[in-house]
Amino acid sequence: MKRLIKLDRINRKILTVLQSNARISNIELADKVGLSPSACLQRTKALEDAGYILQYVMAVDLDKICINVMIYVEFTLEKHRMQDLERFERTVRTIPELVDCLRVSGRFDYISFVVCNSIADFNKLCDDLLSRDLGISSIRSNVVLDKPKWFGGYPLDDLEWKEGV
C-alpha cells in the first residue's frame, strides 16, 4: 500500500506547478515553491510514491500532425450486473482509439472520448464493439467540431483539498 503524505501548502504548490508544466526543471520548480532543489526533489518523489502524481504526459496538437476525427461517445448497456460492467470495461481498456472512458450517472452508462482517422473508421469501431457481445444497447456519438477550450489540467487552485491528507 502506498504511504500517503500530507498535502501541505508546498506540496499543493508543487502539484499545481507540475500540472501546468511537467517539463519544468527541479531547480525552477524549487524556486517557484520556495524550497532548496534537494528538498523539492524529495517532496516530488514522495508525491510520486504516494500516488498523487499518476504520470507525466505530453499533449500533441493532432490537427497539426495527423488526420483525425474526435468524437464523444455515449454507451448504454442492456444490463447493469457487475459482470456486464466489468466485461465492457475490460474490453474498452484494450482499444487505443477510446482515449478515455468514464462510467457516469444519467441517461447513459459510459462516456468515452474517441479519436479515429475518419468517420468510416469510427463506424468500423462501433460495428466491432457491437459484434463483441458486450451488452451494448445503444451508442450515441457527438463529433467534435472545434475545441474552444481544451483540457489544460484540473483547477487545483479552485478545488477544496481533502483534510488530513
N, C-alpha and C. Protein backbone atom coordinates (compact mmCIF):
# COMPACT_ATOMS: atom_id res chain seq x y z
N MET A 1 0.83 -1.18 0.00
CA MET A 1 0.00 0.00 0.00
C MET A 1 0.88 1.24 0.00
N LYS A 2 0.48 2.23 -0.77
CA LYS A 2 1.23 3.47 -0.86
C LYS A 2 1.02 4.29 0.40
N ARG A 3 2.11 4.87 0.88
CA ARG A 3 2.05 5.70 2.07
C ARG A 3 1.60 7.10 1.67
N LEU A 4 0.50 7.54 2.26
CA LEU A 4 0.00 8.87 1.98
C LEU A 4 0.83 9.91 2.73
N ILE A 5 0.99 11.06 2.12
CA ILE A 5 1.72 12.14 2.76
C ILE A 5 0.80 13.35 2.87
N LYS A 6 1.15 14.24 3.76
CA LYS A 6 0.32 15.43 3.98
C LYS A 6 0.46 16.38 2.79
N LEU A 7 -0.67 16.85 2.32
CA LEU A 7 -0.68 17.83 1.24
C LEU A 7 -0.68 19.24 1.83
N ASP A 8 0.47 19.63 2.32
CA ASP A 8 0.60 20.98 2.87
C ASP A 8 0.66 22.00 1.73
N ARG A 9 0.80 23.25 2.08
CA ARG A 9 0.81 24.34 1.10
C ARG A 9 1.88 24.12 0.02
N ILE A 10 3.06 23.68 0.43
CA ILE A 10 4.16 23.50 -0.53
C ILE A 10 3.88 22.31 -1.46
N ASN A 11 3.42 21.19 -0.92
CA ASN A 11 3.10 20.04 -1.77
C ASN A 11 1.99 20.38 -2.76
N ARG A 12 1.01 21.16 -2.31
CA ARG A 12 -0.06 21.58 -3.22
C ARG A 12 0.50 22.45 -4.33
N LYS A 13 1.41 23.33 -3.98
CA LYS A 13 2.03 24.21 -4.99
C LYS A 13 2.86 23.38 -5.98
N ILE A 14 3.57 22.39 -5.49
CA ILE A 14 4.34 21.50 -6.39
C ILE A 14 3.40 20.83 -7.39
N LEU A 15 2.30 20.31 -6.90
CA LEU A 15 1.34 19.64 -7.79
C LEU A 15 0.76 20.62 -8.82
N THR A 16 0.44 21.81 -8.37
CA THR A 16 -0.15 22.81 -9.27
C THR A 16 0.85 23.22 -10.35
N VAL A 17 2.08 23.47 -9.97
CA VAL A 17 3.10 23.88 -10.94
C VAL A 17 3.40 22.74 -11.91
N LEU A 18 3.58 21.53 -11.40
CA LEU A 18 3.90 20.39 -12.27
C LEU A 18 2.76 20.10 -13.25
N GLN A 19 1.53 20.30 -12.81
CA GLN A 19 0.41 20.04 -13.72
C GLN A 19 0.44 20.99 -14.90
N SER A 20 0.84 22.22 -14.67
CA SER A 20 0.86 23.19 -15.77
C SER A 20 2.13 23.09 -16.61
N ASN A 21 3.19 22.50 -16.05
CA ASN A 21 4.43 22.35 -16.80
C ASN A 21 5.22 21.17 -16.24
N ALA A 22 4.96 19.99 -16.76
CA ALA A 22 5.62 18.78 -16.27
C ALA A 22 7.09 18.72 -16.65
N ARG A 23 7.51 19.56 -17.58
CA ARG A 23 8.92 19.58 -18.02
C ARG A 23 9.77 20.58 -17.25
N ILE A 24 9.19 21.26 -16.30
CA ILE A 24 9.96 22.24 -15.53
C ILE A 24 11.13 21.53 -14.85
N SER A 25 12.27 22.20 -14.82
CA SER A 25 13.42 21.59 -14.14
C SER A 25 13.17 21.63 -12.63
N ASN A 26 13.84 20.74 -11.92
CA ASN A 26 13.71 20.72 -10.47
C ASN A 26 14.18 22.04 -9.86
N ILE A 27 15.20 22.64 -10.45
CA ILE A 27 15.71 23.92 -9.93
C ILE A 27 14.65 25.01 -10.08
N GLU A 28 14.00 25.06 -11.25
CA GLU A 28 12.95 26.06 -11.47
C GLU A 28 11.76 25.80 -10.55
N LEU A 29 11.39 24.51 -10.40
CA LEU A 29 10.28 24.15 -9.52
C LEU A 29 10.60 24.56 -8.08
N ALA A 30 11.80 24.26 -7.64
CA ALA A 30 12.20 24.62 -6.27
C ALA A 30 12.10 26.12 -6.05
N ASP A 31 12.51 26.88 -7.05
CA ASP A 31 12.43 28.33 -6.94
C ASP A 31 10.98 28.80 -6.85
N LYS A 32 10.10 28.21 -7.65
CA LYS A 32 8.69 28.62 -7.66
C LYS A 32 7.99 28.30 -6.34
N VAL A 33 8.39 27.21 -5.68
CA VAL A 33 7.70 26.81 -4.45
C VAL A 33 8.46 27.20 -3.19
N GLY A 34 9.64 27.79 -3.35
CA GLY A 34 10.37 28.29 -2.20
C GLY A 34 11.11 27.23 -1.41
N LEU A 35 11.70 26.25 -2.10
CA LEU A 35 12.48 25.21 -1.44
C LEU A 35 13.87 25.12 -2.06
N SER A 36 14.76 24.43 -1.37
CA SER A 36 16.04 24.11 -1.98
C SER A 36 15.78 23.01 -3.03
N PRO A 37 16.62 22.89 -4.04
CA PRO A 37 16.42 21.85 -5.05
C PRO A 37 16.35 20.44 -4.47
N SER A 38 17.20 20.14 -3.48
CA SER A 38 17.17 18.78 -2.91
C SER A 38 15.87 18.52 -2.15
N ALA A 39 15.40 19.49 -1.38
CA ALA A 39 14.13 19.32 -0.64
C ALA A 39 12.96 19.20 -1.62
N CYS A 40 13.02 19.99 -2.69
CA CYS A 40 11.95 19.93 -3.69
C CYS A 40 11.92 18.57 -4.37
N LEU A 41 13.08 18.04 -4.71
CA LEU A 41 13.16 16.73 -5.35
C LEU A 41 12.64 15.64 -4.42
N GLN A 42 12.97 15.73 -3.13
CA GLN A 42 12.48 14.75 -2.16
C GLN A 42 10.95 14.80 -2.07
N ARG A 43 10.40 15.99 -2.02
CA ARG A 43 8.95 16.13 -1.94
C ARG A 43 8.27 15.63 -3.21
N THR A 44 8.83 15.95 -4.36
CA THR A 44 8.25 15.48 -5.62
C THR A 44 8.27 13.96 -5.67
N LYS A 45 9.38 13.36 -5.29
CA LYS A 45 9.49 11.90 -5.27
C LYS A 45 8.47 11.31 -4.29
N ALA A 46 8.29 11.93 -3.14
CA ALA A 46 7.31 11.45 -2.15
C ALA A 46 5.89 11.54 -2.72
N LEU A 47 5.59 12.62 -3.46
CA LEU A 47 4.27 12.76 -4.08
C LEU A 47 4.05 11.68 -5.14
N GLU A 48 5.09 11.35 -5.89
CA GLU A 48 5.01 10.26 -6.86
C GLU A 48 4.77 8.93 -6.15
N ASP A 49 5.60 8.65 -5.13
CA ASP A 49 5.50 7.38 -4.40
C ASP A 49 4.15 7.21 -3.72
N ALA A 50 3.55 8.32 -3.27
CA ALA A 50 2.24 8.25 -2.61
C ALA A 50 1.10 8.09 -3.61
N GLY A 51 1.39 8.22 -4.89
CA GLY A 51 0.36 8.05 -5.91
C GLY A 51 -0.42 9.31 -6.24
N TYR A 52 0.02 10.45 -5.75
CA TYR A 52 -0.65 11.71 -6.08
C TYR A 52 -0.35 12.12 -7.52
N ILE A 53 0.84 11.81 -7.98
CA ILE A 53 1.22 12.08 -9.37
C ILE A 53 1.10 10.75 -10.10
N LEU A 54 0.13 10.66 -11.00
CA LEU A 54 -0.11 9.41 -11.71
C LEU A 54 0.86 9.21 -12.87
N GLN A 55 1.11 10.27 -13.61
CA GLN A 55 2.03 10.19 -14.74
C GLN A 55 2.36 11.58 -15.23
N TYR A 56 3.42 11.66 -15.98
CA TYR A 56 3.79 12.90 -16.65
C TYR A 56 3.44 12.70 -18.12
N VAL A 57 2.69 13.62 -18.68
CA VAL A 57 2.24 13.44 -20.06
C VAL A 57 2.59 14.66 -20.91
N MET A 58 2.54 14.42 -22.20
CA MET A 58 2.77 15.47 -23.17
C MET A 58 1.52 15.54 -24.03
N ALA A 59 1.10 16.73 -24.38
CA ALA A 59 -0.06 16.90 -25.25
C ALA A 59 0.42 17.30 -26.63
N VAL A 60 -0.09 16.63 -27.65
CA VAL A 60 0.26 16.97 -29.02
C VAL A 60 -0.93 17.64 -29.70
N ASP A 61 -0.65 18.44 -30.70
CA ASP A 61 -1.70 19.06 -31.50
C ASP A 61 -1.99 18.11 -32.66
N LEU A 62 -2.98 17.24 -32.48
CA LEU A 62 -3.29 16.24 -33.50
C LEU A 62 -3.58 16.85 -34.86
N ASP A 63 -4.24 18.00 -34.87
CA ASP A 63 -4.59 18.63 -36.14
C ASP A 63 -3.35 19.03 -36.93
N LYS A 64 -2.24 19.28 -36.26
CA LYS A 64 -1.01 19.65 -36.95
C LYS A 64 -0.23 18.44 -37.45
N ILE A 65 -0.44 17.28 -36.83
CA ILE A 65 0.42 16.14 -37.17
C ILE A 65 -0.29 14.98 -37.88
N CYS A 66 -1.62 14.93 -37.82
CA CYS A 66 -2.28 13.79 -38.46
C CYS A 66 -3.74 14.10 -38.77
N ILE A 67 -4.28 13.30 -39.66
CA ILE A 67 -5.70 13.37 -39.97
C ILE A 67 -6.44 12.69 -38.82
N ASN A 68 -7.49 13.32 -38.32
CA ASN A 68 -8.20 12.72 -37.20
C ASN A 68 -9.62 13.25 -37.12
N VAL A 69 -10.43 12.49 -36.43
CA VAL A 69 -11.76 12.92 -36.04
C VAL A 69 -11.91 12.56 -34.57
N MET A 70 -12.44 13.51 -33.79
CA MET A 70 -12.64 13.31 -32.35
C MET A 70 -14.13 13.22 -32.10
N ILE A 71 -14.50 12.26 -31.26
CA ILE A 71 -15.92 12.01 -31.01
C ILE A 71 -16.10 11.71 -29.52
N TYR A 72 -17.12 12.33 -28.93
CA TYR A 72 -17.56 11.91 -27.60
C TYR A 72 -18.66 10.88 -27.82
N VAL A 73 -18.52 9.73 -27.18
CA VAL A 73 -19.43 8.62 -27.42
C VAL A 73 -20.12 8.24 -26.11
N GLU A 74 -21.43 8.10 -26.18
CA GLU A 74 -22.23 7.66 -25.03
C GLU A 74 -22.63 6.21 -25.25
N PHE A 75 -22.31 5.36 -24.29
CA PHE A 75 -22.66 3.95 -24.36
C PHE A 75 -23.73 3.64 -23.31
N THR A 76 -24.75 2.92 -23.72
CA THR A 76 -25.75 2.41 -22.79
C THR A 76 -25.71 0.89 -22.87
N LEU A 77 -25.68 0.24 -21.72
CA LEU A 77 -25.65 -1.21 -21.67
C LEU A 77 -27.06 -1.74 -21.42
N GLU A 78 -27.31 -2.96 -21.91
CA GLU A 78 -28.62 -3.59 -21.72
C GLU A 78 -28.85 -3.95 -20.26
N LYS A 79 -27.81 -4.48 -19.61
CA LYS A 79 -27.91 -4.92 -18.22
C LYS A 79 -26.83 -4.24 -17.41
N HIS A 80 -27.07 -4.17 -16.11
CA HIS A 80 -26.14 -3.46 -15.24
C HIS A 80 -25.61 -4.35 -14.12
N ARG A 81 -25.49 -5.63 -14.43
CA ARG A 81 -24.88 -6.54 -13.47
C ARG A 81 -23.38 -6.26 -13.45
N MET A 82 -22.74 -6.53 -12.33
CA MET A 82 -21.32 -6.24 -12.20
C MET A 82 -20.50 -6.93 -13.28
N GLN A 83 -20.83 -8.18 -13.61
CA GLN A 83 -20.05 -8.88 -14.63
C GLN A 83 -20.20 -8.24 -16.01
N ASP A 84 -21.37 -7.63 -16.29
CA ASP A 84 -21.58 -6.93 -17.56
C ASP A 84 -20.73 -5.67 -17.62
N LEU A 85 -20.71 -4.93 -16.52
CA LEU A 85 -19.91 -3.72 -16.46
C LEU A 85 -18.42 -4.05 -16.58
N GLU A 86 -17.99 -5.07 -15.86
CA GLU A 86 -16.57 -5.46 -15.89
C GLU A 86 -16.16 -5.93 -17.28
N ARG A 87 -17.01 -6.70 -17.96
CA ARG A 87 -16.70 -7.17 -19.31
C ARG A 87 -16.55 -5.99 -20.27
N PHE A 88 -17.47 -5.04 -20.19
CA PHE A 88 -17.39 -3.86 -21.04
C PHE A 88 -16.10 -3.07 -20.74
N GLU A 89 -15.82 -2.84 -19.47
CA GLU A 89 -14.65 -2.06 -19.09
C GLU A 89 -13.35 -2.75 -19.48
N ARG A 90 -13.27 -4.08 -19.31
CA ARG A 90 -12.07 -4.81 -19.74
C ARG A 90 -11.83 -4.64 -21.23
N THR A 91 -12.90 -4.68 -22.00
CA THR A 91 -12.77 -4.57 -23.45
C THR A 91 -12.33 -3.18 -23.86
N VAL A 92 -12.95 -2.14 -23.32
CA VAL A 92 -12.60 -0.78 -23.75
C VAL A 92 -11.16 -0.42 -23.38
N ARG A 93 -10.63 -1.03 -22.33
CA ARG A 93 -9.23 -0.76 -21.96
C ARG A 93 -8.26 -1.23 -23.04
N THR A 94 -8.69 -2.17 -23.88
CA THR A 94 -7.80 -2.72 -24.91
C THR A 94 -7.88 -1.98 -26.24
N ILE A 95 -8.74 -0.99 -26.35
CA ILE A 95 -8.97 -0.30 -27.62
C ILE A 95 -8.32 1.08 -27.56
N PRO A 96 -7.21 1.27 -28.25
CA PRO A 96 -6.47 2.54 -28.15
C PRO A 96 -7.26 3.75 -28.63
N GLU A 97 -8.17 3.58 -29.56
CA GLU A 97 -8.95 4.72 -30.05
C GLU A 97 -9.86 5.30 -28.97
N LEU A 98 -10.24 4.51 -27.99
CA LEU A 98 -11.00 5.01 -26.85
C LEU A 98 -9.99 5.62 -25.88
N VAL A 99 -9.78 6.91 -26.03
CA VAL A 99 -8.74 7.60 -25.28
C VAL A 99 -9.06 7.62 -23.79
N ASP A 100 -10.32 7.78 -23.45
CA ASP A 100 -10.75 7.64 -22.07
C ASP A 100 -12.15 7.06 -22.06
N CYS A 101 -12.54 6.56 -20.92
CA CYS A 101 -13.89 6.01 -20.77
C CYS A 101 -14.28 6.17 -19.31
N LEU A 102 -15.40 6.82 -19.09
CA LEU A 102 -15.85 7.12 -17.74
C LEU A 102 -17.24 6.53 -17.51
N ARG A 103 -17.43 5.86 -16.40
CA ARG A 103 -18.76 5.39 -16.02
C ARG A 103 -19.46 6.57 -15.36
N VAL A 104 -20.67 6.86 -15.82
CA VAL A 104 -21.38 8.06 -15.36
C VAL A 104 -22.80 7.72 -14.94
N SER A 105 -23.41 8.67 -14.25
CA SER A 105 -24.83 8.55 -13.92
C SER A 105 -25.61 9.30 -15.00
N GLY A 106 -26.88 9.02 -15.10
CA GLY A 106 -27.70 9.74 -16.07
C GLY A 106 -28.34 8.82 -17.08
N ARG A 107 -28.60 9.36 -18.25
CA ARG A 107 -29.36 8.60 -19.25
C ARG A 107 -28.54 7.57 -20.01
N PHE A 108 -27.21 7.58 -19.85
CA PHE A 108 -26.36 6.55 -20.44
C PHE A 108 -25.37 6.10 -19.38
N ASP A 109 -24.65 5.02 -19.66
CA ASP A 109 -23.80 4.40 -18.65
C ASP A 109 -22.34 4.83 -18.69
N TYR A 110 -21.83 5.05 -19.89
CA TYR A 110 -20.43 5.42 -20.06
C TYR A 110 -20.33 6.54 -21.08
N ILE A 111 -19.34 7.39 -20.91
CA ILE A 111 -19.00 8.36 -21.94
C ILE A 111 -17.51 8.17 -22.23
N SER A 112 -17.19 8.22 -23.50
CA SER A 112 -15.81 7.99 -23.91
C SER A 112 -15.38 9.03 -24.92
N PHE A 113 -14.12 9.39 -24.86
CA PHE A 113 -13.53 10.27 -25.86
C PHE A 113 -12.78 9.39 -26.84
N VAL A 114 -13.14 9.49 -28.11
CA VAL A 114 -12.60 8.59 -29.13
C VAL A 114 -11.89 9.41 -30.20
N VAL A 115 -10.74 8.91 -30.64
CA VAL A 115 -10.01 9.54 -31.74
C VAL A 115 -9.76 8.48 -32.80
N CYS A 116 -10.21 8.77 -34.02
CA CYS A 116 -10.03 7.87 -35.17
C CYS A 116 -9.51 8.67 -36.35
N ASN A 117 -9.12 7.97 -37.40
CA ASN A 117 -8.68 8.63 -38.62
C ASN A 117 -9.84 9.28 -39.37
N SER A 118 -11.00 8.65 -39.29
CA SER A 118 -12.13 9.12 -40.10
C SER A 118 -13.44 8.63 -39.50
N ILE A 119 -14.52 9.19 -39.99
CA ILE A 119 -15.85 8.71 -39.58
C ILE A 119 -16.03 7.25 -40.00
N ALA A 120 -15.50 6.90 -41.15
CA ALA A 120 -15.58 5.50 -41.60
C ALA A 120 -14.89 4.57 -40.60
N ASP A 121 -13.71 4.98 -40.11
CA ASP A 121 -13.02 4.17 -39.11
C ASP A 121 -13.80 4.12 -37.80
N PHE A 122 -14.42 5.22 -37.44
CA PHE A 122 -15.25 5.23 -36.23
C PHE A 122 -16.43 4.27 -36.40
N ASN A 123 -17.03 4.28 -37.58
CA ASN A 123 -18.14 3.36 -37.85
C ASN A 123 -17.69 1.91 -37.71
N LYS A 124 -16.50 1.58 -38.22
CA LYS A 124 -15.96 0.21 -38.07
C LYS A 124 -15.75 -0.13 -36.60
N LEU A 125 -15.24 0.85 -35.85
CA LEU A 125 -15.03 0.64 -34.41
C LEU A 125 -16.36 0.32 -33.72
N CYS A 126 -17.39 1.09 -34.04
CA CYS A 126 -18.72 0.83 -33.45
C CYS A 126 -19.24 -0.55 -33.84
N ASP A 127 -19.09 -0.90 -35.11
CA ASP A 127 -19.52 -2.23 -35.57
C ASP A 127 -18.77 -3.32 -34.82
N ASP A 128 -17.47 -3.12 -34.61
CA ASP A 128 -16.67 -4.10 -33.89
C ASP A 128 -17.15 -4.23 -32.44
N LEU A 129 -17.40 -3.11 -31.79
CA LEU A 129 -17.89 -3.16 -30.41
C LEU A 129 -19.23 -3.87 -30.32
N LEU A 130 -20.11 -3.59 -31.25
CA LEU A 130 -21.43 -4.23 -31.23
C LEU A 130 -21.35 -5.73 -31.52
N SER A 131 -20.34 -6.14 -32.27
CA SER A 131 -20.20 -7.57 -32.60
C SER A 131 -19.56 -8.38 -31.48
N ARG A 132 -19.04 -7.73 -30.47
CA ARG A 132 -18.32 -8.42 -29.39
C ARG A 132 -19.21 -8.95 -28.27
N ASP A 133 -20.50 -8.81 -28.38
CA ASP A 133 -21.41 -9.30 -27.34
C ASP A 133 -21.08 -8.69 -25.97
N LEU A 134 -20.99 -7.37 -25.96
CA LEU A 134 -20.69 -6.65 -24.71
C LEU A 134 -21.95 -6.17 -24.02
N GLY A 135 -23.11 -6.44 -24.60
CA GLY A 135 -24.35 -5.99 -23.99
C GLY A 135 -24.63 -4.52 -24.22
N ILE A 136 -24.09 -3.96 -25.29
CA ILE A 136 -24.33 -2.55 -25.59
C ILE A 136 -25.70 -2.43 -26.24
N SER A 137 -26.57 -1.62 -25.65
CA SER A 137 -27.90 -1.43 -26.24
C SER A 137 -27.94 -0.21 -27.15
N SER A 138 -27.09 0.78 -26.89
CA SER A 138 -27.04 1.94 -27.79
C SER A 138 -25.69 2.63 -27.72
N ILE A 139 -25.33 3.21 -28.86
CA ILE A 139 -24.13 4.03 -28.98
C ILE A 139 -24.59 5.34 -29.59
N ARG A 140 -24.36 6.43 -28.87
CA ARG A 140 -24.68 7.77 -29.39
C ARG A 140 -23.37 8.52 -29.52
N SER A 141 -23.21 9.22 -30.63
CA SER A 141 -21.94 9.91 -30.85
C SER A 141 -22.15 11.40 -31.06
N ASN A 142 -21.15 12.15 -30.64
CA ASN A 142 -21.11 13.60 -30.79
C ASN A 142 -19.75 13.96 -31.35
N VAL A 143 -19.71 14.32 -32.63
CA VAL A 143 -18.45 14.65 -33.29
C VAL A 143 -17.98 16.02 -32.82
N VAL A 144 -16.71 16.12 -32.48
CA VAL A 144 -16.13 17.38 -32.07
C VAL A 144 -15.90 18.23 -33.32
N LEU A 145 -16.48 19.43 -33.34
CA LEU A 145 -16.34 20.34 -34.46
C LEU A 145 -15.20 21.32 -34.26
N ASP A 146 -14.98 21.73 -33.01
CA ASP A 146 -13.94 22.71 -32.70
C ASP A 146 -13.60 22.56 -31.21
N LYS A 147 -12.48 23.09 -30.79
CA LYS A 147 -12.03 22.99 -29.40
C LYS A 147 -11.78 24.39 -28.84
N PRO A 148 -12.83 25.15 -28.51
CA PRO A 148 -12.62 26.49 -27.97
C PRO A 148 -11.85 26.49 -26.65
N LYS A 149 -11.96 25.41 -25.88
CA LYS A 149 -11.16 25.25 -24.67
C LYS A 149 -10.83 23.78 -24.55
N TRP A 150 -9.56 23.48 -24.47
CA TRP A 150 -9.10 22.11 -24.38
C TRP A 150 -8.60 21.86 -22.98
N PHE A 151 -8.57 20.60 -22.56
CA PHE A 151 -8.13 20.25 -21.21
C PHE A 151 -6.73 20.78 -20.96
N GLY A 152 -6.59 21.57 -19.93
CA GLY A 152 -5.30 22.13 -19.57
C GLY A 152 -4.93 21.83 -18.14
N GLY A 153 -5.55 20.83 -17.58
CA GLY A 153 -5.30 20.47 -16.19
C GLY A 153 -6.52 20.77 -15.33
N TYR A 154 -6.50 20.21 -14.16
CA TYR A 154 -7.59 20.41 -13.21
C TYR A 154 -7.46 21.77 -12.54
N PRO A 155 -8.56 22.38 -12.12
CA PRO A 155 -8.49 23.69 -11.46
C PRO A 155 -8.09 23.54 -9.98
N LEU A 156 -6.85 23.10 -9.76
CA LEU A 156 -6.40 22.77 -8.40
C LEU A 156 -6.52 23.93 -7.43
N ASP A 157 -6.28 25.15 -7.91
CA ASP A 157 -6.38 26.30 -7.03
C ASP A 157 -7.81 26.57 -6.58
N ASP A 158 -8.79 26.08 -7.32
CA ASP A 158 -10.20 26.36 -7.02
C ASP A 158 -10.91 25.21 -6.31
N LEU A 159 -10.29 24.03 -6.26
CA LEU A 159 -10.93 22.87 -5.64
C LEU A 159 -10.59 22.80 -4.15
N GLU A 160 -11.49 22.25 -3.39
CA GLU A 160 -11.25 22.08 -1.95
C GLU A 160 -10.43 20.83 -1.73
N TRP A 161 -9.31 21.00 -1.08
CA TRP A 161 -8.39 19.89 -0.82
C TRP A 161 -8.89 19.09 0.37
N LYS A 162 -8.66 17.80 0.37
CA LYS A 162 -9.08 16.94 1.47
C LYS A 162 -8.30 17.27 2.72
N GLU A 163 -8.99 17.25 3.84
CA GLU A 163 -8.35 17.48 5.14
C GLU A 163 -7.64 16.21 5.59
N GLY A 164 -6.54 16.38 6.26
CA GLY A 164 -5.83 15.24 6.83
C GLY A 164 -4.99 14.48 5.82
N VAL A 165 -4.95 14.94 4.59
CA VAL A 165 -4.13 14.26 3.57
C VAL A 165 -2.92 15.11 3.31
